[in-house]
Amino acid sequence: MTGNGKIKVAIIGSGNIGTDLMIKVLRNGKGIEMGAMVGIDPASDGLARAQRMGVPAISDGIDGLVAMPGFSDIRIVFDATSAGAHAHHNDVLQRYGVQVIDLTPAALGPYVIPSINLDEKLGASNINMVTCGGQATIPIVKAVSRVAKVHYAEIVASISSRSAGPGTRANIDEFTETTSKAIQVLGGATRGKAIIVLNPAEPPLIMRDTVFTLSEPGDQAAIVASIQEMVASVRRYVPGYRLKQEVQFDVYDESRPLNVPGLGKLTGLKTSAFLEVEGAAHYLPAYAGNLDIMTSAALACAERLAGTRLANVTA
């Protein structure tokens, strides 16, 4: 903790996600402040911006971070690199008792979506932010499952190809696997499936997500109310998150069952929700809602962690 009563944080990864997150911390971070921006490319825009904004910029990765003067003051580290690199970063940081917020699909720690389970996982040494598609869609699956048991949930995340950098493209397989698992673990679905679409349209299109669930029969008005409540919860930390149109329903009975992959023919209530995520345009364009929702969710986690730490210090 610094003299001004804030927790110091560092970001590993000076690409689009890490740079946007740095700007969010500098502009809006509550109870936290930047201690270092870490990358491996000395010429990266993220490190150059960090230097201009008075943030210590480290260009030799995790080794440079732990060797920097004042590293012992850094209590939370965001990892915005790749699933492959995260395992090594986490191993190093855990030796120093540093709290890790993982923005890659590595999923070494528990899945966390602030609107669903943040308070339950504050004690974990590593928390995983799932994926951009997961942050956007799994809250809707959870909202349906609060009303009726969800047998199957399928999400389709459509993002502009311009907002998919090298890290995103390299992690496509991890994206689908991690999101599918989190649909079950956090969303409450018996089975989950995730699809990501990189849309090359010009001008670039805003992030849009479609959520389909097949559940036991449930009160449709109650499901709509639960979804609207969840959307409001997510909007507290992602202001550009919204329903694109009204929730739609379709009933499948024994005369018209739905054939679900891996589960066979099922009956029940199909709920369809259509979402749009507009970015805050702090560093990235507004159409890059897929990146904004990740950095906004990670910031919400760090602020909550810092608030807990500060409360424990003053108690």
C-alpha atoms as a PDB file:
ATOM      1  CA  MET A   1       0.000   0.000   0.000  1.00  0.00           C
ATOM      2  CA  THR A   2       1.267   3.456  -0.881  1.00  0.00           C
ATOM      3  CA  GLY A   3       1.317   6.592   1.229  1.00  0.00           C
ATOM      4  CA  ASN A   4      -1.933   7.791  -0.358  1.00  0.00           C
ATOM      5  CA  GLY A   5      -3.775   4.697   0.832  1.00  0.00           C
ATOM      6  CA  LYS A   6      -3.922   2.937  -2.540  1.00  0.00           C
ATOM      7  CA  ILE A   7      -2.835  -0.543  -3.608  1.00  0.00           C
ATOM      8  CA  LYS A   8      -0.153  -0.635  -6.299  1.00  0.00           C
ATOM      9  CA  VAL A   9      -0.838  -2.779  -9.361  1.00  0.00           C
ATOM     10  CA  ALA A  10       1.179  -3.842 -12.387  1.00  0.00           C
ATOM     11  CA  ILE A  11       0.118  -4.966 -15.846  1.00  0.00           C
ATOM     12  CA  ILE A  12       2.011  -7.591 -17.830  1.00  0.00           C
ATOM     13  CA  GLY A  13       1.336  -7.204 -21.528  1.00  0.00           C
ATOM     14  CA  SER A  14       1.744  -3.883 -23.310  1.00  0.00           C
ATOM     15  CA  GLY A  15      -0.617  -4.682 -26.194  1.00  0.00           C
ATOM     16  CA  ASN A  16      -4.148  -3.396 -26.778  1.00  0.00           C
ATOM     17  CA  ILE A  17      -5.744  -4.977 -23.713  1.00  0.00           C
ATOM     18  CA  GLY A  18      -2.944  -4.064 -21.323  1.00  0.00           C
ATOM     19  CA  THR A  19      -2.748  -0.491 -22.585  1.00  0.00           C
ATOM     20  CA  ASP A  20      -6.498   0.049 -22.357  1.00  0.00           C
ATOM     21  CA  LEU A  21      -6.472  -1.371 -18.840  1.00  0.00           C
ATOM     22  CA  MET A  22      -3.620   0.949 -17.832  1.00  0.00           C
ATOM     23  CA  ILE A  23      -5.586   3.975 -18.987  1.00  0.00           C
ATOM     24  CA  LYS A  24      -8.654   2.781 -17.084  1.00  0.00           C
ATOM     25  CA  VAL A  25      -6.601   2.397 -13.893  1.00  0.00           C
ATOM     26  CA  LEU A  26      -5.093   5.860 -14.327  1.00  0.00           C
ATOM     27  CA  ARG A  27      -8.415   7.531 -15.089  1.00  0.00           C
ATOM     28  CA  ASN A  28     -10.935   5.657 -12.996  1.00  0.00           C
ATOM     29  CA  GLY A  29      -9.210   3.212 -10.652  1.00  0.00           C
ATOM     30  CA  LYS A  30     -10.648   3.317  -7.133  1.00  0.00           C
ATOM     31  CA  GLY A  31      -8.229   2.296  -4.402  1.00  0.00           C
ATOM     32  CA  ILE A  32      -5.517   1.269  -6.882  1.00  0.00           C
ATOM     33  CA  GLU A  33      -2.694   2.962  -8.758  1.00  0.00           C
ATOM     34  CA  MET A  34      -0.252   1.942 -11.461  1.00  0.00           C
ATOM     35  CA  GLY A  35       3.066   0.601 -10.252  1.00  0.00           C
ATOM     36  CA  ALA A  36       4.446  -0.709 -13.549  1.00  0.00           C
ATOM     37  CA  MET A  37       3.622  -1.550 -17.153  1.00  0.00           C
ATOM     38  CA  VAL A  38       5.515  -4.629 -18.324  1.00  0.00           C
ATOM     39  CA  GLY A  39       6.191  -5.840 -21.865  1.00  0.00           C
ATOM     40  CA  ILE A  40       8.827  -7.532 -23.973  1.00  0.00           C
ATOM     41  CA  ASP A  41       8.902  -5.105 -26.900  1.00  0.00           C
ATOM     42  CA  PRO A  42      10.713  -1.875 -26.035  1.00  0.00           C
ATOM     43  CA  ALA A  43       9.139  -0.222 -29.085  1.00  0.00           C
ATOM     44  CA  SER A  44       5.533  -1.079 -28.179  1.00  0.00           C
ATOM     45  CA  ASP A  45       3.008   1.735 -28.014  1.00  0.00           C
ATOM     46  CA  GLY A  46       1.890   0.540 -24.583  1.00  0.00           C
ATOM     47  CA  LEU A  47       5.314   1.009 -23.015  1.00  0.00           C
ATOM     48  CA  ALA A  48       5.770   4.355 -24.763  1.00  0.00           C
ATOM     49  CA  ARG A  49       2.430   5.564 -23.419  1.00  0.00           C
ATOM     50  CA  ALA A  50       3.308   4.330 -19.938  1.00  0.00           C
ATOM     51  CA  GLN A  51       6.486   6.398 -19.969  1.00  0.00           C
ATOM     52  CA  ARG A  52       4.627   9.483 -21.169  1.00  0.00           C
ATOM     53  CA  MET A  53       2.037   9.038 -18.434  1.00  0.00           C
ATOM     54  CA  GLY A  54       4.606   8.648 -15.668  1.00  0.00           C
ATOM     55  CA  VAL A  55       4.218   4.896 -15.201  1.00  0.00           C
ATOM     56  CA  PRO A  56       7.402   2.815 -14.785  1.00  0.00           C
ATOM     57  CA  ALA A  57       7.856   0.914 -18.082  1.00  0.00           C
ATOM     58  CA  ILE A  58       9.660  -2.431 -18.028  1.00  0.00           C
ATOM     59  CA  SER A  59      10.644  -4.015 -21.352  1.00  0.00           C
ATOM     60  CA  ASP A  60      12.191  -7.298 -20.201  1.00  0.00           C
ATOM     61  CA  GLY A  61       9.074  -9.101 -19.014  1.00  0.00           C
ATOM     62  CA  ILE A  62       8.388 -10.796 -15.704  1.00  0.00           C
ATOM     63  CA  ASP A  63      12.081 -10.945 -14.792  1.00  0.00           C
ATOM     64  CA  GLY A  64      12.326  -7.187 -15.079  1.00  0.00           C
ATOM     65  CA  LEU A  65       9.206  -6.726 -12.985  1.00  0.00           C
ATOM     66  CA  VAL A  66      10.409  -8.737 -10.003  1.00  0.00           C
ATOM     67  CA  ALA A  67      13.839  -7.055 -10.217  1.00  0.00           C
ATOM     68  CA  MET A  68      12.505  -3.491 -10.262  1.00  0.00           C
ATOM     69  CA  PRO A  69      12.940  -1.291  -7.183  1.00  0.00           C
ATOM     70  CA  GLY A  70       9.662  -1.148  -5.332  1.00  0.00           C
ATOM     71  CA  PHE A  71       8.347  -4.480  -6.625  1.00  0.00           C
ATOM     72  CA  SER A  72       7.482  -5.451  -3.053  1.00  0.00           C
ATOM     73  CA  ASP A  73       4.879  -2.662  -3.016  1.00  0.00           C
ATOM     74  CA  ILE A  74       2.962  -4.222  -5.926  1.00  0.00           C
ATOM     75  CA  ARG A  75       0.218  -6.448  -4.545  1.00  0.00           C
ATOM     76  CA  ILE A  76      -1.948  -7.096  -7.612  1.00  0.00           C
ATOM     77  CA  VAL A  77      -0.746  -8.004 -11.115  1.00  0.00           C
ATOM     78  CA  PHE A  78      -2.916  -8.214 -14.225  1.00  0.00           C
ATOM     79  CA  ASP A  79      -1.721 -10.650 -16.885  1.00  0.00           C
ATOM     80  CA  ALA A  80      -2.825  -9.541 -20.360  1.00  0.00           C
ATOM     81  CA  THR A  81      -0.440 -11.715 -22.385  1.00  0.00           C
ATOM     82  CA  SER A  82      -1.350 -15.228 -23.572  1.00  0.00           C
ATOM     83  CA  ALA A  83      -2.554 -18.488 -22.093  1.00  0.00           C
ATOM     84  CA  GLY A  84       0.833 -20.093 -22.774  1.00  0.00           C
ATOM     85  CA  ALA A  85       2.844 -17.355 -21.080  1.00  0.00           C
ATOM     86  CA  HIS A  86       0.525 -17.028 -18.105  1.00  0.00           C
ATOM     87  CA  ALA A  87       1.558 -20.295 -16.434  1.00  0.00           C
ATOM     88  CA  HIS A  88       5.148 -19.072 -16.043  1.00  0.00           C
ATOM     89  CA  HIS A  89       4.078 -15.592 -14.933  1.00  0.00           C
ATOM     90  CA  ASN A  90       1.774 -17.052 -12.315  1.00  0.00           C
ATOM     91  CA  ASP A  91       4.448 -19.407 -10.967  1.00  0.00           C
ATOM     92  CA  VAL A  92       6.819 -16.482 -10.447  1.00  0.00           C
ATOM     93  CA  LEU A  93       4.247 -14.150  -8.905  1.00  0.00           C
ATOM     94  CA  GLN A  94       2.890 -16.749  -6.485  1.00  0.00           C
ATOM     95  CA  ARG A  95       6.348 -17.067  -4.949  1.00  0.00           C
ATOM     96  CA  TYR A  96       6.033 -13.444  -3.859  1.00  0.00           C
ATOM     97  CA  GLY A  97       2.442 -13.710  -2.644  1.00  0.00           C
ATOM     98  CA  VAL A  98       1.118 -11.406  -5.360  1.00  0.00           C
ATOM     99  CA  GLN A  99      -2.591 -11.509  -6.265  1.00  0.00           C
ATOM    100  CA  VAL A 100      -2.982 -12.367  -9.964  1.00  0.00           C
ATOM    101  CA  ILE A 101      -5.856 -11.340 -12.227  1.00  0.00           C
ATOM    102  CA  ASP A 102      -5.639 -13.404 -15.398  1.00  0.00           C
ATOM    103  CA  LEU A 103      -7.091 -11.880 -18.582  1.00  0.00           C
ATOM    104  CA  THR A 104      -5.963 -14.844 -20.707  1.00  0.00           C
ATOM    105  CA  PRO A 105      -7.946 -18.064 -21.254  1.00  0.00           C
ATOM    106  CA  ALA A 106      -5.384 -20.061 -19.223  1.00  0.00           C
ATOM    107  CA  ALA A 107      -7.918 -20.638 -16.429  1.00  0.00           C
ATOM    108  CA  LEU A 108      -5.398 -21.698 -13.791  1.00  0.00           C
ATOM    109  CA  GLY A 109      -7.541 -20.087 -11.116  1.00  0.00           C
ATOM    110  CA  PRO A 110     -11.314 -20.036 -10.663  1.00  0.00           C
ATOM    111  CA  TYR A 111     -13.492 -18.376 -13.281  1.00  0.00           C
ATOM    112  CA  VAL A 112     -14.733 -14.958 -12.173  1.00  0.00           C
ATOM    113  CA  ILE A 113     -17.430 -12.744 -13.652  1.00  0.00           C
ATOM    114  CA  PRO A 114     -18.048  -9.750 -11.357  1.00  0.00           C
ATOM    115  CA  SER A 115     -21.839  -9.800 -11.700  1.00  0.00           C
ATOM    116  CA  ILE A 116     -21.951 -13.499 -10.752  1.00  0.00           C
ATOM    117  CA  ASN A 117     -19.311 -14.562  -8.227  1.00  0.00           C
ATOM    118  CA  LEU A 118     -16.623 -11.968  -7.505  1.00  0.00           C
ATOM    119  CA  ASP A 119     -17.170 -11.813  -3.741  1.00  0.00           C
ATOM    120  CA  GLU A 120     -17.008 -15.610  -3.483  1.00  0.00           C
ATOM    121  CA  LYS A 121     -13.545 -15.767  -5.067  1.00  0.00           C
ATOM    122  CA  LEU A 122     -11.744 -12.817  -3.480  1.00  0.00           C
ATOM    123  CA  GLY A 123      -9.538 -15.166  -1.472  1.00  0.00           C
ATOM    124  CA  ALA A 124      -8.143 -16.971  -4.532  1.00  0.00           C
ATOM    125  CA  SER A 125      -4.517 -16.167  -5.339  1.00  0.00           C
ATOM    126  CA  ASN A 126      -5.264 -16.279  -9.071  1.00  0.00           C
ATOM    127  CA  ILE A 127      -8.615 -15.387 -10.592  1.00  0.00           C
ATOM    128  CA  ASN A 128      -9.447 -15.918 -14.239  1.00  0.00           C
ATOM    129  CA  MET A 129     -11.558 -13.486 -16.227  1.00  0.00           C
ATOM    130  CA  VAL A 130     -12.777 -16.247 -18.586  1.00  0.00           C
ATOM    131  CA  THR A 131     -12.983 -14.602 -22.047  1.00  0.00           C
ATOM    132  CA  CYS A 132     -14.569 -11.555 -23.639  1.00  0.00           C
ATOM    133  CA  GLY A 133     -17.428 -13.690 -24.929  1.00  0.00           C
ATOM    134  CA  GLY A 134     -17.832 -15.290 -21.535  1.00  0.00           C
ATOM    135  CA  GLN A 135     -17.947 -11.954 -19.711  1.00  0.00           C
ATOM    136  CA  ALA A 136     -20.669 -10.782 -22.093  1.00  0.00           C
ATOM    137  CA  THR A 137     -22.861 -13.860 -22.357  1.00  0.00           C
ATOM    138  CA  ILE A 138     -22.534 -16.058 -19.281  1.00  0.00           C
ATOM    139  CA  PRO A 139     -24.376 -13.539 -17.056  1.00  0.00           C
ATOM    140  CA  ILE A 140     -27.416 -14.094 -19.294  1.00  0.00           C
ATOM    141  CA  VAL A 141     -27.155 -17.874 -18.958  1.00  0.00           C
ATOM    142  CA  LYS A 142     -26.935 -17.420 -15.193  1.00  0.00           C
ATOM    143  CA  ALA A 143     -29.976 -15.128 -15.254  1.00  0.00           C
ATOM    144  CA  VAL A 144     -32.051 -17.823 -16.972  1.00  0.00           C
ATOM    145  CA  SER A 145     -30.764 -20.563 -14.669  1.00  0.00           C
ATOM    146  CA  ARG A 146     -31.916 -18.556 -11.624  1.00  0.00           C
ATOM    147  CA  VAL A 147     -35.469 -19.154 -12.839  1.00  0.00           C
ATOM    148  CA  ALA A 148     -35.344 -22.532 -14.600  1.00  0.00           C
ATOM    149  CA  LYS A 149     -32.790 -25.332 -14.900  1.00  0.00           C
ATOM    150  CA  VAL A 150     -30.754 -24.825 -18.083  1.00  0.00           C
ATOM    151  CA  HIS A 151     -29.999 -28.033 -19.973  1.00  0.00           C
ATOM    152  CA  TYR A 152     -28.018 -26.454 -22.806  1.00  0.00           C
ATOM    153  CA  ALA A 153     -26.593 -23.019 -23.528  1.00  0.00           C
ATOM    154  CA  GLU A 154     -24.913 -21.839 -26.698  1.00  0.00           C
ATOM    155  CA  ILE A 155     -23.258 -18.465 -27.162  1.00  0.00           C
ATOM    156  CA  VAL A 156     -22.031 -16.772 -30.321  1.00  0.00           C
ATOM    157  CA  ALA A 157     -19.646 -13.836 -29.909  1.00  0.00           C
ATOM    158  CA  SER A 158     -19.208 -11.721 -33.029  1.00  0.00           C
ATOM    159  CA  ILE A 159     -16.355  -9.211 -32.926  1.00  0.00           C
ATOM    160  CA  SER A 160     -14.642  -7.002 -35.456  1.00  0.00           C
ATOM    161  CA  SER A 161     -11.548  -8.634 -36.895  1.00  0.00           C
ATOM    162  CA  ARG A 162      -9.802  -5.304 -36.299  1.00  0.00           C
ATOM    163  CA  SER A 163     -10.262  -5.758 -32.532  1.00  0.00           C
ATOM    164  CA  ALA A 164      -8.745  -9.253 -32.602  1.00  0.00           C
ATOM    165  CA  GLY A 165      -5.022  -8.835 -32.127  1.00  0.00           C
ATOM    166  CA  PRO A 166      -2.315 -11.521 -32.273  1.00  0.00           C
ATOM    167  CA  GLY A 167      -3.062 -12.687 -28.727  1.00  0.00           C
ATOM    168  CA  THR A 168      -6.761 -13.146 -29.400  1.00  0.00           C
ATOM    169  CA  ARG A 169      -6.118 -15.004 -32.633  1.00  0.00           C
ATOM    170  CA  ALA A 170      -3.532 -17.283 -31.033  1.00  0.00           C
ATOM    171  CA  ASN A 171      -5.991 -18.190 -28.270  1.00  0.00           C
ATOM    172  CA  ILE A 172      -9.064 -19.109 -30.352  1.00  0.00           C
ATOM    173  CA  ASP A 173      -9.028 -22.760 -29.231  1.00  0.00           C
ATOM    174  CA  GLU A 174      -8.569 -21.767 -25.599  1.00  0.00           C
ATOM    175  CA  PHE A 175     -11.393 -19.235 -26.011  1.00  0.00           C
ATOM    176  CA  THR A 176     -13.940 -21.845 -27.065  1.00  0.00           C
ATOM    177  CA  GLU A 177     -12.819 -24.392 -24.478  1.00  0.00           C
ATOM    178  CA  THR A 178     -12.670 -21.969 -21.546  1.00  0.00           C
ATOM    179  CA  THR A 179     -15.949 -20.257 -22.418  1.00  0.00           C
ATOM    180  CA  SER A 180     -17.776 -23.561 -22.880  1.00  0.00           C
ATOM    181  CA  LYS A 181     -16.621 -24.780 -19.471  1.00  0.00           C
ATOM    182  CA  ALA A 182     -17.496 -21.508 -17.773  1.00  0.00           C
ATOM    183  CA  ILE A 183     -21.008 -21.622 -19.265  1.00  0.00           C
ATOM    184  CA  GLN A 184     -21.473 -24.736 -17.163  1.00  0.00           C
ATOM    185  CA  VAL A 185     -19.513 -23.724 -14.050  1.00  0.00           C
ATOM    186  CA  LEU A 186     -20.784 -20.153 -13.744  1.00  0.00           C
ATOM    187  CA  GLY A 187     -23.856 -20.142 -15.949  1.00  0.00           C
ATOM    188  CA  GLY A 188     -25.361 -23.279 -14.473  1.00  0.00           C
ATOM    189  CA  ALA A 189     -25.967 -25.059 -17.788  1.00  0.00           C
ATOM    190  CA  THR A 190     -25.624 -28.830 -18.008  1.00  0.00           C
ATOM    191  CA  ARG A 191     -23.816 -28.431 -21.319  1.00  0.00           C
ATOM    192  CA  GLY A 192     -22.319 -25.361 -22.982  1.00  0.00           C
ATOM    193  CA  LYS A 193     -21.000 -24.428 -26.389  1.00  0.00           C
ATOM    194  CA  ALA A 194     -19.133 -21.288 -27.464  1.00  0.00           C
ATOM    195  CA  ILE A 195     -18.509 -19.903 -30.931  1.00  0.00           C
ATOM    196  CA  ILE A 196     -16.484 -16.823 -31.866  1.00  0.00           C
ATOM    197  CA  VAL A 197     -16.818 -15.008 -35.187  1.00  0.00           C
ATOM    198  CA  LEU A 198     -14.185 -12.525 -36.417  1.00  0.00           C
ATOM    199  CA  ASN A 199     -16.127 -10.203 -38.697  1.00  0.00           C
ATOM    200  CA  PRO A 200     -14.020  -8.470 -41.390  1.00  0.00           C
ATOM    201  CA  ALA A 201     -16.723  -5.922 -42.269  1.00  0.00           C
ATOM    202  CA  GLU A 202     -15.703  -2.322 -42.936  1.00  0.00           C
ATOM    203  CA  PRO A 203     -16.437  -0.049 -41.244  1.00  0.00           C
ATOM    204  CA  PRO A 204     -15.817  -2.302 -38.219  1.00  0.00           C
ATOM    205  CA  LEU A 205     -18.910  -3.581 -36.420  1.00  0.00           C
ATOM    206  CA  ILE A 206     -19.521  -3.309 -32.702  1.00  0.00           C
ATOM    207  CA  MET A 207     -19.338  -6.476 -30.575  1.00  0.00           C
ATOM    208  CA  ARG A 208     -22.591  -8.410 -30.693  1.00  0.00           C
ATOM    209  CA  ASP A 209     -23.432 -11.577 -28.807  1.00  0.00           C
ATOM    210  CA  THR A 210     -26.243 -14.085 -29.086  1.00  0.00           C
ATOM    211  CA  VAL A 211     -27.240 -16.341 -26.206  1.00  0.00           C
ATOM    212  CA  PHE A 212     -29.475 -19.380 -26.647  1.00  0.00           C
ATOM    213  CA  THR A 213     -30.601 -21.495 -23.703  1.00  0.00           C
ATOM    214  CA  LEU A 214     -32.852 -24.540 -23.518  1.00  0.00           C
ATOM    215  CA  SER A 215     -34.279 -24.881 -20.043  1.00  0.00           C
ATOM    216  CA  GLU A 216     -37.056 -26.536 -18.163  1.00  0.00           C
ATOM    217  CA  PRO A 217     -40.379 -24.741 -18.613  1.00  0.00           C
ATOM    218  CA  GLY A 218     -40.289 -21.515 -16.630  1.00  0.00           C
ATOM    219  CA  ASP A 219     -42.166 -18.289 -16.115  1.00  0.00           C
ATOM    220  CA  GLN A 220     -41.237 -16.156 -19.126  1.00  0.00           C
ATOM    221  CA  ALA A 221     -41.889 -12.868 -17.335  1.00  0.00           C
ATOM    222  CA  ALA A 222     -39.634 -13.996 -14.483  1.00  0.00           C
ATOM    223  CA  ILE A 223     -36.871 -14.905 -16.950  1.00  0.00           C
ATOM    224  CA  VAL A 224     -37.113 -11.495 -18.631  1.00  0.00           C
ATOM    225  CA  ALA A 225     -36.969  -9.773 -15.237  1.00  0.00           C
ATOM    226  CA  SER A 226     -33.939 -11.847 -14.217  1.00  0.00           C
ATOM    227  CA  ILE A 227     -32.134 -11.008 -17.466  1.00  0.00           C
ATOM    228  CA  GLN A 228     -32.891  -7.304 -17.129  1.00  0.00           C
ATOM    229  CA  GLU A 229     -31.611  -7.326 -13.558  1.00  0.00           C
ATOM    230  CA  MET A 230     -28.414  -9.034 -14.689  1.00  0.00           C
ATOM    231  CA  VAL A 231     -27.897  -6.571 -17.538  1.00  0.00           C
ATOM    232  CA  ALA A 232     -28.204  -3.713 -15.052  1.00  0.00           C
ATOM    233  CA  SER A 233     -25.625  -5.408 -12.818  1.00  0.00           C
ATOM    234  CA  VAL A 234     -23.111  -5.751 -15.665  1.00  0.00           C
ATOM    235  CA  ARG A 235     -23.728  -2.159 -16.782  1.00  0.00           C
ATOM    236  CA  ARG A 236     -22.454  -0.933 -13.413  1.00  0.00           C
ATOM    237  CA  TYR A 237     -18.920  -1.717 -14.582  1.00  0.00           C
ATOM    238  CA  VAL A 238     -19.468  -1.923 -18.389  1.00  0.00           C
ATOM    239  CA  PRO A 239     -21.695   1.068 -19.292  1.00  0.00           C
ATOM    240  CA  GLY A 240     -21.828   0.068 -22.978  1.00  0.00           C
ATOM    241  CA  TYR A 241     -23.418  -3.322 -22.251  1.00  0.00           C
ATOM    242  CA  ARG A 242     -27.058  -3.623 -23.348  1.00  0.00           C
ATOM    243  CA  LEU A 243     -29.804  -5.820 -24.747  1.00  0.00           C
ATOM    244  CA  LYS A 244     -30.149  -5.203 -28.468  1.00  0.00           C
ATOM    245  CA  GLN A 245     -33.817  -6.242 -28.596  1.00  0.00           C
ATOM    246  CA  GLU A 246     -36.494  -7.938 -26.527  1.00  0.00           C
ATOM    247  CA  VAL A 247     -35.855 -11.439 -25.185  1.00  0.00           C
ATOM    248  CA  GLN A 248     -37.472 -14.103 -27.371  1.00  0.00           C
ATOM    249  CA  PHE A 249     -39.012 -17.439 -26.388  1.00  0.00           C
ATOM    250  CA  ASP A 250     -39.906 -20.668 -28.181  1.00  0.00           C
ATOM    251  CA  VAL A 251     -41.479 -23.770 -26.636  1.00  0.00           C
ATOM    252  CA  TYR A 252     -40.368 -27.260 -27.630  1.00  0.00           C
ATOM    253  CA  ASP A 253     -42.673 -30.098 -26.548  1.00  0.00           C
ATOM    254  CA  GLU A 254     -42.788 -33.838 -27.245  1.00  0.00           C
ATOM    255  CA  SER A 255     -44.323 -33.226 -30.657  1.00  0.00           C
ATOM    256  CA  ARG A 256     -41.398 -30.968 -31.580  1.00  0.00           C
ATOM    257  CA  PRO A 257     -38.303 -31.743 -29.492  1.00  0.00           C
ATOM    258  CA  LEU A 258     -35.026 -29.915 -29.985  1.00  0.00           C
ATOM    259  CA  ASN A 259     -32.009 -32.025 -30.927  1.00  0.00           C
ATOM    260  CA  VAL A 260     -29.167 -30.844 -28.676  1.00  0.00           C
ATOM    261  CA  PRO A 261     -25.582 -31.937 -29.432  1.00  0.00           C
ATOM    262  CA  GLY A 262     -24.442 -34.446 -26.841  1.00  0.00           C
ATOM    263  CA  LEU A 263     -27.785 -34.502 -25.042  1.00  0.00           C
ATOM    264  CA  GLY A 264     -30.147 -35.819 -27.713  1.00  0.00           C
ATOM    265  CA  LYS A 265     -33.744 -34.719 -28.150  1.00  0.00           C
ATOM    266  CA  LEU A 266     -34.976 -32.434 -25.383  1.00  0.00           C
ATOM    267  CA  THR A 267     -38.118 -30.494 -24.628  1.00  0.00           C
ATOM    268  CA  GLY A 268     -38.464 -27.234 -22.761  1.00  0.00           C
ATOM    269  CA  LEU A 269     -38.226 -23.486 -23.164  1.00  0.00           C
ATOM    270  CA  LYS A 270     -35.760 -21.901 -25.578  1.00  0.00           C
ATOM    271  CA  THR A 271     -34.713 -18.389 -24.577  1.00  0.00           C
ATOM    272  CA  SER A 272     -32.856 -16.144 -27.035  1.00  0.00           C
ATOM    273  CA  ALA A 273     -31.098 -12.963 -25.932  1.00  0.00           C
ATOM    274  CA  PHE A 274     -29.259 -10.550 -28.206  1.00  0.00           C
ATOM    275  CA  LEU A 275     -26.585  -8.278 -26.776  1.00  0.00           C
ATOM    276  CA  GLU A 276     -24.393  -5.401 -27.856  1.00  0.00           C
ATOM    277  CA  VAL A 277     -21.225  -4.216 -26.141  1.00  0.00           C
ATOM    278  CA  GLU A 278     -19.899  -0.757 -26.937  1.00  0.00           C
ATOM    279  CA  GLY A 279     -16.440   0.118 -25.700  1.00  0.00           C
ATOM    280  CA  ALA A 280     -15.680   3.197 -23.621  1.00  0.00           C
ATOM    281  CA  ALA A 281     -13.029   4.263 -26.195  1.00  0.00           C
ATOM    282  CA  HIS A 282     -10.428   5.015 -23.532  1.00  0.00           C
ATOM    283  CA  TYR A 283      -7.653   3.671 -25.774  1.00  0.00           C
ATOM    284  CA  LEU A 284      -9.394   1.376 -28.230  1.00  0.00           C
ATOM    285  CA  PRO A 285     -12.186   2.282 -30.674  1.00  0.00           C
ATOM    286  CA  ALA A 286     -15.759   2.058 -29.414  1.00  0.00           C
ATOM    287  CA  TYR A 287     -16.412  -0.969 -31.631  1.00  0.00           C
ATOM    288  CA  ALA A 288     -13.872  -3.001 -29.629  1.00  0.00           C
ATOM    289  CA  GLY A 289     -16.378  -3.863 -26.910  1.00  0.00           C
ATOM    290  CA  ASN A 290     -14.863  -7.336 -26.681  1.00  0.00           C
ATOM    291  CA  LEU A 291     -11.667  -5.854 -25.258  1.00  0.00           C
ATOM    292  CA  ASP A 292     -13.403  -3.191 -23.189  1.00  0.00           C
ATOM    293  CA  ILE A 293     -15.569  -5.701 -21.323  1.00  0.00           C
ATOM    294  CA  MET A 294     -12.455  -7.668 -20.330  1.00  0.00           C
ATOM    295  CA  THR A 295     -10.555  -4.663 -19.047  1.00  0.00           C
ATOM    296  CA  SER A 296     -13.642  -3.251 -17.312  1.00  0.00           C
ATOM    297  CA  ALA A 297     -14.342  -6.565 -15.568  1.00  0.00           C
ATOM    298  CA  ALA A 298     -10.696  -6.907 -14.513  1.00  0.00           C
ATOM    299  CA  LEU A 299     -10.705  -3.362 -13.157  1.00  0.00           C
ATOM    300  CA  ALA A 300     -13.860  -4.108 -11.150  1.00  0.00           C
ATOM    301  CA  CYS A 301     -12.134  -7.139  -9.640  1.00  0.00           C
ATOM    302  CA  ALA A 302      -9.004  -5.214  -8.704  1.00  0.00           C
ATOM    303  CA  GLU A 303     -11.018  -2.415  -7.112  1.00  0.00           C
ATOM    304  CA  ARG A 304     -12.975  -4.913  -5.028  1.00  0.00           C
ATOM    305  CA  LEU A 305      -9.773  -6.719  -4.007  1.00  0.00           C
ATOM    306  CA  ALA A 306      -8.129  -3.427  -3.073  1.00  0.00           C
ATOM    307  CA  GLY A 307     -11.157  -2.360  -1.084  1.00  0.00           C
ATOM    308  CA  THR A 308     -11.027  -5.606   0.868  1.00  0.00           C
ATOM    309  CA  ARG A 309      -7.311  -5.269   1.542  1.00  0.00           C
ATOM    310  CA  LEU A 310      -7.669  -1.673   2.688  1.00  0.00           C
ATOM    311  CA  ALA A 311     -10.590  -2.571   4.932  1.00  0.00           C
ATOM    312  CA  ASN A 312      -8.517  -5.310   6.544  1.00  0.00           C
ATOM    313  CA  VAL A 313      -5.639  -2.886   7.140  1.00  0.00           C
ATOM    314  CA  THR A 314      -7.850  -0.291   8.845  1.00  0.00           C
ATOM    315  CA  ALA A 315      -9.947  -2.790  10.797  1.00  0.00           C
END
